[in-house]
């Protein structure tokens, strides 16, 4: 949540020419819909990584609180789902796991994503050689 506030503050202080990007991991909802619209307009390059069913990323609940930025769902296998659709969100398992909020899970997921990307790159290279 503090990363979003800092990104917005930097945008205001540094102006539109500054390149501001924000990445957060397991962040809770932090504002109402008006704040989220303002935030998305001011910091369009903003990504919220959520590991599987991380409970903290679903708190506090709607309708009074909402997220700004694009959601990026990670799992332990290295799968990534960027900006899931409404249907994907509806059929997603409930976010009810305190254990999924562990920093170790986020690190493991990022390492798995990196390994999957390297493996895909190597396969692509072999096809073209």
Foldseek 3Di string as FASTA:
>chain_A
DVQLVVLLVCCVVVDDVDQGAEEEELADFDFAPVVQVVSCVSHVRYEYEYEQQAQRNCPPHDDGTDHHYWYWYFYLQQDIDTRDDPVCVVPRPHNDDNVSSDPVGVVNRVVNVVVVVVVVVVVVVVVVD
